[in-house]
Protein backbone atom coordinates (compact mmCIF):
# COMPACT_ATOMS: atom_id res chain seq x y z
CA UNK A 1 -2.32 2.87 -32.83
CA UNK A 2 -3.82 4.14 -29.58
CA UNK A 3 -2.73 7.49 -28.15
CA UNK A 4 -2.34 7.34 -24.36
CA UNK A 5 -1.75 10.04 -21.79
CA UNK A 6 -0.20 9.94 -18.35
CA UNK A 7 -1.02 11.99 -15.25
CA UNK A 8 1.81 12.15 -12.71
CA UNK A 9 5.50 12.13 -13.61
CA UNK A 10 6.67 10.49 -10.40
CA UNK A 11 8.17 7.07 -9.75
CA UNK A 12 5.31 5.11 -11.32
CA UNK A 13 4.74 7.56 -14.13
CA UNK A 14 8.34 7.18 -15.31
CA UNK A 15 8.06 3.40 -15.03
CA UNK A 16 4.97 3.29 -17.21
CA UNK A 17 6.55 5.58 -19.81
CA UNK A 18 9.56 3.35 -20.46
CA UNK A 19 7.34 0.47 -21.60
CA UNK A 20 5.99 2.47 -24.51
CA UNK A 21 9.38 1.83 -26.12
CA UNK A 22 8.59 -1.90 -26.26
CA UNK A 23 6.25 -3.66 -28.68
CA UNK A 24 3.00 -1.97 -27.70
CA UNK A 25 0.08 -1.02 -29.93
CA UNK A 26 -0.01 2.45 -28.35
CA UNK A 27 2.13 5.57 -28.23
CA UNK A 28 3.00 7.84 -25.31
CA UNK A 29 1.27 11.03 -26.44
CA UNK A 30 0.91 13.42 -23.48
CA UNK A 31 1.99 13.81 -19.86
CA UNK A 32 0.31 16.02 -17.27
CA UNK A 33 1.91 17.21 -14.03
CA UNK A 34 1.60 20.35 -11.93
CA UNK A 35 5.38 20.73 -11.50
CA UNK A 36 7.31 22.43 -14.29
CA UNK A 37 10.52 20.56 -13.45
CA UNK A 38 8.69 17.24 -13.86
CA UNK A 39 7.34 18.26 -17.26
CA UNK A 40 10.82 19.36 -18.35
CA UNK A 41 12.22 16.01 -17.28
CA UNK A 42 9.52 14.16 -19.26
CA UNK A 43 10.28 16.31 -22.33
CA UNK A 44 14.01 15.66 -21.98
CA UNK A 45 13.49 11.89 -21.90
CA UNK A 46 10.69 11.82 -24.49
CA UNK A 47 11.06 14.84 -26.82
CA UNK A 48 8.00 13.94 -28.91
CA UNK A 49 5.60 13.87 -25.96
CA UNK A 50 3.33 16.85 -25.32
CA UNK A 51 3.33 18.26 -21.79
CA UNK A 52 0.69 20.17 -19.87
CA UNK A 53 -0.37 21.25 -16.38
CA UNK A 54 -4.05 21.22 -17.36
CA UNK A 55 -5.99 17.95 -17.23
CA UNK A 56 -8.46 19.53 -19.64
CA UNK A 57 -5.83 19.29 -22.40
CA UNK A 58 -5.98 15.48 -22.14
CA UNK A 59 -9.69 15.71 -22.89
CA UNK A 60 -9.26 18.24 -25.73
CA UNK A 61 -6.80 15.95 -27.49
CA UNK A 62 -9.33 13.10 -27.39
CA UNK A 63 -6.87 10.53 -26.11
CA UNK A 64 -7.76 6.85 -26.32
CA UNK A 65 -6.81 6.24 -22.69
CA UNK A 66 -5.11 7.81 -19.67
CA UNK A 67 -2.95 6.34 -16.92
CA UNK A 68 -3.55 8.05 -13.57
CA UNK A 69 -0.37 7.80 -11.49
CA UNK A 70 -1.00 10.78 -9.23
CA UNK A 71 -1.41 10.78 -5.41
CA UNK A 72 -4.48 8.79 -4.31
CA UNK A 73 -6.03 11.87 -2.71
CA UNK A 74 -6.77 13.37 -6.15
CA UNK A 75 -7.71 10.19 -8.04
CA UNK A 76 -11.43 10.84 -7.57
CA UNK A 77 -11.33 14.39 -8.92
CA UNK A 78 -9.19 13.48 -11.93
CA UNK A 79 -11.05 10.28 -12.77
CA UNK A 80 -14.43 12.02 -12.58
CA UNK A 81 -13.37 14.59 -15.19
CA UNK A 82 -11.96 11.93 -17.52
CA UNK A 83 -14.84 9.49 -17.14
CA UNK A 84 -17.33 12.22 -17.96
CA UNK A 85 -15.33 12.66 -21.17
CA UNK A 86 -15.59 8.88 -21.85
CA UNK A 87 -11.83 8.31 -21.67
CA UNK A 88 -10.75 4.80 -20.54
CA UNK A 89 -8.54 4.83 -17.44
CA UNK A 90 -5.81 2.82 -15.75
CA UNK A 91 -5.75 4.13 -12.17
CA UNK A 92 -2.87 3.29 -9.86
CA UNK A 93 -3.77 1.67 -6.55
CA UNK A 94 -5.53 2.51 -4.33
CA UNK A 95 -8.47 3.47 -6.56
CA UNK A 96 -9.30 6.42 -4.25
CA UNK A 97 -8.74 7.23 -0.58
CA UNK A 98 -12.31 6.34 0.50
CA UNK A 99 -14.93 3.69 -0.16
CA UNK A 100 -17.61 6.31 -0.88
CA UNK A 101 -15.62 7.97 -3.67
CA UNK A 102 -14.51 4.61 -5.09
CA UNK A 103 -18.12 3.49 -5.30
CA UNK A 104 -19.08 6.79 -6.97
CA UNK A 105 -16.39 6.29 -9.61
CA UNK A 106 -17.57 2.74 -10.24
CA UNK A 107 -21.15 3.92 -10.67
CA UNK A 108 -20.03 6.75 -12.97
CA UNK A 109 -17.97 4.37 -15.15
CA UNK A 110 -20.99 2.09 -15.47
CA UNK A 111 -23.31 4.98 -16.41
CA UNK A 112 -20.86 6.35 -18.97
CA UNK A 113 -19.98 2.86 -20.29
CA UNK A 114 -16.28 3.71 -19.90
CA UNK A 115 -13.57 1.15 -19.17
CA UNK A 116 -11.47 1.37 -16.00
CA UNK A 117 -8.60 -0.83 -14.79
CA UNK A 118 -6.98 -0.52 -11.36
CA UNK A 119 -3.19 -0.90 -11.06
CA UNK A 120 -3.01 -3.97 -8.84
CA UNK A 121 0.30 -4.82 -10.47
CA UNK A 122 1.03 -8.05 -8.59
CA UNK A 123 -1.91 -9.77 -10.30
CA UNK A 124 0.16 -9.43 -13.48
CA UNK A 125 3.15 -11.11 -11.81
CA UNK A 126 3.91 -14.49 -13.40
CA UNK A 127 4.65 -16.12 -10.02
CA UNK A 128 1.32 -15.00 -8.56
CA UNK A 129 -0.45 -16.26 -11.67
CA UNK A 130 1.34 -19.61 -11.31
CA UNK A 131 0.15 -19.92 -7.70
CA UNK A 132 -3.39 -19.03 -8.80
CA UNK A 133 -3.38 -21.89 -11.32
CA UNK A 134 -2.08 -24.30 -8.68
CA UNK A 135 -4.72 -23.22 -6.15
CA UNK A 136 -7.54 -23.47 -8.69
CA UNK A 137 -6.32 -26.93 -9.77
CA UNK A 138 -6.64 -28.10 -6.15
CA UNK A 139 -2.94 -28.90 -5.74
CA UNK A 140 -2.80 -27.09 -2.39
CA UNK A 141 -5.98 -28.74 -1.15
CA UNK A 142 -7.75 -26.74 1.52
CA UNK A 143 -5.99 -23.45 2.17
CA UNK A 144 -5.20 -22.69 5.81
CA UNK A 145 -3.05 -19.60 5.95
CA UNK A 146 -1.47 -16.83 3.87
CA UNK A 147 1.36 -14.76 5.32
CA UNK A 148 2.66 -11.66 3.55
CA UNK A 149 5.76 -9.62 4.35
CA UNK A 150 6.19 -6.36 2.43
CA UNK A 151 8.90 -4.38 4.17
CA UNK A 152 11.72 -2.03 3.19
CA UNK A 153 13.62 1.05 4.28
CA UNK A 154 11.41 3.74 2.75
CA UNK A 155 10.35 5.52 0.71
CA UNK A 156 8.08 7.21 3.26
CA UNK A 157 5.05 8.92 1.76
CA UNK A 158 3.03 11.79 3.19
CA UNK A 159 -0.22 11.35 1.22
CA UNK A 160 -1.12 7.87 2.53
CA UNK A 161 0.09 5.66 5.38
CA UNK A 162 1.89 2.31 5.10
CA UNK A 163 -1.40 0.37 5.00
CA UNK A 164 -2.80 2.29 2.03
CA UNK A 165 0.57 2.23 0.25
CA UNK A 166 1.80 -1.37 0.68
CA UNK A 167 -1.18 -3.48 1.81
CA UNK A 168 -3.32 -3.07 -1.36
CA UNK A 169 -0.88 -5.39 -3.14
CA UNK A 170 -1.35 -8.18 -0.61
CA UNK A 171 -5.08 -7.69 -0.23
CA UNK A 172 -5.38 -7.89 -4.03
CA UNK A 173 -3.32 -11.10 -4.15
CA UNK A 174 -5.45 -12.61 -1.38
CA UNK A 175 -8.66 -11.68 -3.19
CA UNK A 176 -7.25 -13.15 -6.42
CA UNK A 177 -6.17 -16.46 -4.86
CA UNK A 178 -9.38 -16.89 -2.85
CA UNK A 179 -11.77 -16.34 -5.74
CA UNK A 180 -12.69 -12.69 -5.01
CA UNK A 181 -13.99 -13.45 -1.52
CA UNK A 182 -14.31 -10.66 1.02
CA UNK A 183 -12.90 -11.12 4.53
CA UNK A 184 -15.25 -11.89 7.39
CA UNK A 185 -13.29 -9.57 9.70
CA UNK A 186 -10.07 -7.58 10.00
CA UNK A 187 -7.90 -6.59 12.94
CA UNK A 188 -4.86 -4.34 12.75
CA UNK A 189 -2.25 -2.58 14.83
CA UNK A 190 -0.02 0.19 13.51
CA UNK A 191 2.55 2.63 14.81
CA UNK A 192 4.01 6.02 13.92
CA UNK A 193 7.76 5.98 14.50
CA UNK A 194 9.23 8.37 11.92
CA UNK A 195 8.67 12.13 12.06
CA UNK A 196 5.53 11.76 10.01
CA UNK A 197 1.81 11.99 10.71
CA UNK A 198 1.26 8.66 8.93
CA UNK A 199 1.63 5.14 10.33
CA UNK A 200 4.79 3.53 8.98
CA UNK A 201 4.57 -0.03 10.41
CA UNK A 202 1.45 -2.22 10.58
CA UNK A 203 0.39 -5.79 11.28
CA UNK A 204 -2.95 -6.89 9.79
CA UNK A 205 -4.94 -10.06 10.44
CA UNK A 206 -7.85 -10.95 8.19
CA UNK A 207 -10.27 -13.84 8.60
CA UNK A 208 -11.88 -15.30 5.48
CA UNK A 209 -14.68 -17.84 4.96
CA UNK A 210 -13.81 -21.53 5.42
CA UNK A 211 -11.46 -20.66 8.30
CA UNK A 212 -8.70 -19.15 6.12
CA UNK A 213 -6.39 -16.83 8.06
CA UNK A 214 -4.33 -14.07 6.41
CA UNK A 215 -1.48 -12.20 8.09
CA UNK A 216 0.01 -9.08 6.45
CA UNK A 217 3.14 -7.33 7.77
CA UNK A 218 4.02 -4.00 6.15
CA UNK A 219 6.72 -1.48 7.04
CA UNK A 220 8.65 1.50 5.71
CA UNK A 221 11.21 1.23 8.51
CA UNK A 222 12.96 -2.07 7.85
CA UNK A 223 16.68 -2.72 7.23
CA UNK A 224 16.19 -5.00 4.20
CA UNK A 225 13.71 -5.26 1.35
CA UNK A 226 11.33 -8.20 1.72
CA UNK A 227 8.47 -9.10 -0.64
CA UNK A 228 7.23 -12.56 0.29
CA UNK A 229 4.13 -14.74 0.50
CA UNK A 230 3.89 -18.04 2.37
CA UNK A 231 0.90 -20.16 1.37
CA UNK A 232 -0.16 -23.15 3.50
CA UNK A 233 -2.59 -25.84 2.37
CA UNK A 234 -3.38 -29.34 3.57
CA UNK A 235 -1.79 -30.94 0.48
CA UNK A 236 1.24 -28.73 -0.12
CA UNK A 237 2.78 -25.40 0.81
CA UNK A 238 4.64 -22.65 -1.05
CA UNK A 239 6.89 -19.65 -0.58
CA UNK A 240 7.01 -16.81 -3.11
CA UNK A 241 9.87 -14.32 -2.81
CA UNK A 242 9.54 -11.52 -5.34
CA UNK A 243 13.11 -10.36 -4.67
CA UNK A 244 14.48 -13.78 -5.73
CA UNK A 245 14.68 -13.36 -9.50
CA UNK A 246 16.14 -16.84 -10.15
CA UNK A 247 13.86 -19.01 -8.02
CA UNK A 248 10.87 -16.86 -6.97
CA UNK A 249 8.58 -19.81 -6.08
CA UNK A 250 9.30 -22.95 -4.10
CA UNK A 251 6.62 -25.64 -3.64
CA UNK A 252 6.92 -27.82 -0.51
CA UNK A 253 5.35 -31.27 -0.60
CA UNK A 254 4.66 -31.01 3.12
CA UNK A 255 1.46 -32.11 4.85
CA UNK A 256 0.13 -32.84 8.32
CA UNK A 257 -1.01 -36.44 8.85
CA UNK A 258 -3.33 -37.85 11.50
CA UNK A 259 -3.27 -41.60 12.17
CA UNK A 260 -6.97 -41.55 12.99
CA UNK A 261 -9.68 -39.11 11.96
CA UNK A 262 -10.21 -36.30 14.53
CA UNK A 263 -7.40 -37.67 16.70
CA UNK A 264 -4.66 -35.03 17.18
CA UNK A 265 -2.47 -37.37 19.21
CA UNK A 266 0.25 -38.94 17.15
CA UNK A 267 -0.06 -36.38 14.35
CA UNK A 268 3.06 -36.03 12.22
CA UNK A 269 4.40 -33.94 9.38
CA UNK A 270 5.25 -35.55 6.08
CA UNK A 271 8.26 -33.73 4.68
CA UNK A 272 8.41 -34.39 0.95
CA UNK A 273 10.36 -32.91 -1.93
CA UNK A 274 10.82 -29.24 -2.74
CA UNK A 275 9.87 -28.28 -6.29
CA UNK A 276 11.13 -25.12 -7.99
CA UNK A 277 8.98 -24.40 -11.06
CA UNK A 278 10.40 -22.58 -14.05
CA UNK A 279 8.59 -19.24 -14.26
CA UNK A 280 9.02 -16.80 -17.12
CA UNK A 281 10.64 -13.50 -16.18
CA UNK A 282 8.15 -10.98 -17.60
CA UNK A 283 7.81 -7.53 -16.06
CA UNK A 284 4.38 -7.20 -14.38
CA UNK A 285 4.04 -3.49 -15.19
CA UNK A 286 4.67 -4.14 -18.89
CA UNK A 287 2.11 -6.97 -18.78
CA UNK A 288 -0.41 -4.66 -17.10
CA UNK A 289 0.12 -1.92 -19.68
CA UNK A 290 -0.28 -4.35 -22.58
CA UNK A 291 -3.46 -5.64 -20.96
CA UNK A 292 -4.81 -2.09 -20.63
CA UNK A 293 -4.27 -1.53 -24.35
CA UNK A 294 -5.92 -4.86 -25.23
CA UNK A 295 -8.81 -4.06 -22.87
CA UNK A 296 -9.42 -0.70 -24.55
CA UNK A 297 -9.36 -2.45 -27.93
CA UNK A 298 -11.91 -5.01 -26.73
CA UNK A 299 -9.50 -7.92 -27.13
CA UNK A 300 -9.34 -8.94 -23.44
CA UNK A 301 -11.62 -8.94 -20.42
CA UNK A 302 -10.40 -6.88 -17.43
CA UNK A 303 -8.21 -8.78 -14.95
CA UNK A 304 -8.27 -5.94 -12.40
CA UNK A 305 -11.62 -4.19 -12.99
CA UNK A 306 -12.87 -1.18 -11.07
CA UNK A 307 -15.01 -3.48 -8.91
CA UNK A 308 -11.79 -4.98 -7.49
CA UNK A 309 -10.54 -1.49 -6.69
CA UNK A 310 -13.76 -0.67 -4.83
CA UNK A 311 -13.62 -3.91 -2.80
CA UNK A 312 -9.99 -3.37 -1.79
CA UNK A 313 -10.64 0.22 -0.70
CA UNK A 314 -13.57 -1.06 1.37
CA UNK A 315 -11.21 -3.52 3.10
CA UNK A 316 -8.59 -0.79 3.61
CA UNK A 317 -11.20 1.42 5.31
CA UNK A 318 -12.11 -1.43 7.66
CA UNK A 319 -8.42 -1.93 8.50
CA UNK A 320 -8.03 1.79 9.18
CA UNK A 321 -11.08 1.70 11.43
CA UNK A 322 -9.55 -1.23 13.36
CA UNK A 323 -6.31 0.74 13.81
CA UNK A 324 -8.27 3.73 15.08
CA UNK A 325 -10.53 1.80 17.50
CA UNK A 326 -8.20 -1.03 18.48
CA UNK A 327 -11.02 -3.49 17.77
CA UNK A 328 -11.77 -6.23 15.29
CA UNK A 329 -13.99 -4.93 12.47
């Protein structure tokens, strides 16, 4: 059985820990955090786990893998130490807070022949995987437009802004559905409305090859929690609502018809049936953790490799540059 460690006993750290109690070929061996109260809480919940404030202890104990769930600003420093010790990593998104450091980590992992996954959790969501199969099978036809809404009332973070916190999920889903393509350009507007130095609301537009348009709306200041994707194609359309646990995906047999080729006059919509597929309710974080264990063991190829993390940070930097300059990048 693998022995895994965890850095960061915050919201995500606690979430990862609870899945070690399920059928997993790994045990929760050690947790690292700088705050004594956090370590005491981890020990209270998991008495057998070892606790430490020193990352070096994770290396001394020769763990089989480490989950990095710390603030993004210190991912690079932590990951560099662990990769040099040849310890496989699962790093929460974003990979780092800059493209340069993400690329350095990728190069280091390649040199040290050490495995790294990035925590793009929504790619382990069964509804997103269903949509991926439908897209790849050609059931949507030519894709036109993807619209994401990821909005809620907090929590407001002070280490990254709303774009770096929420948008990586939607950028990762877009990349997944579009076959790992990079956008041609990005344009974004964002505002600071809370008493915080970080932007807390943003609207992002990304243009992809083959005239695919992507619109991402993210916000910390929103009265209700929304996690949705609308996917438009020329053969059918879909809506995915992650907050709808009973019917997360609806497929609309809706298309635009032209009576004559290249003649927009007389165009009409065909409104067909609505199909609600049965999708298994499996927790994405548990699926991601099981995949990390299987990846370390050499049983599975990486679904969210470090190269994906680098690409998404590169896109995030372009979005941030657009916010700063007010121009399309």
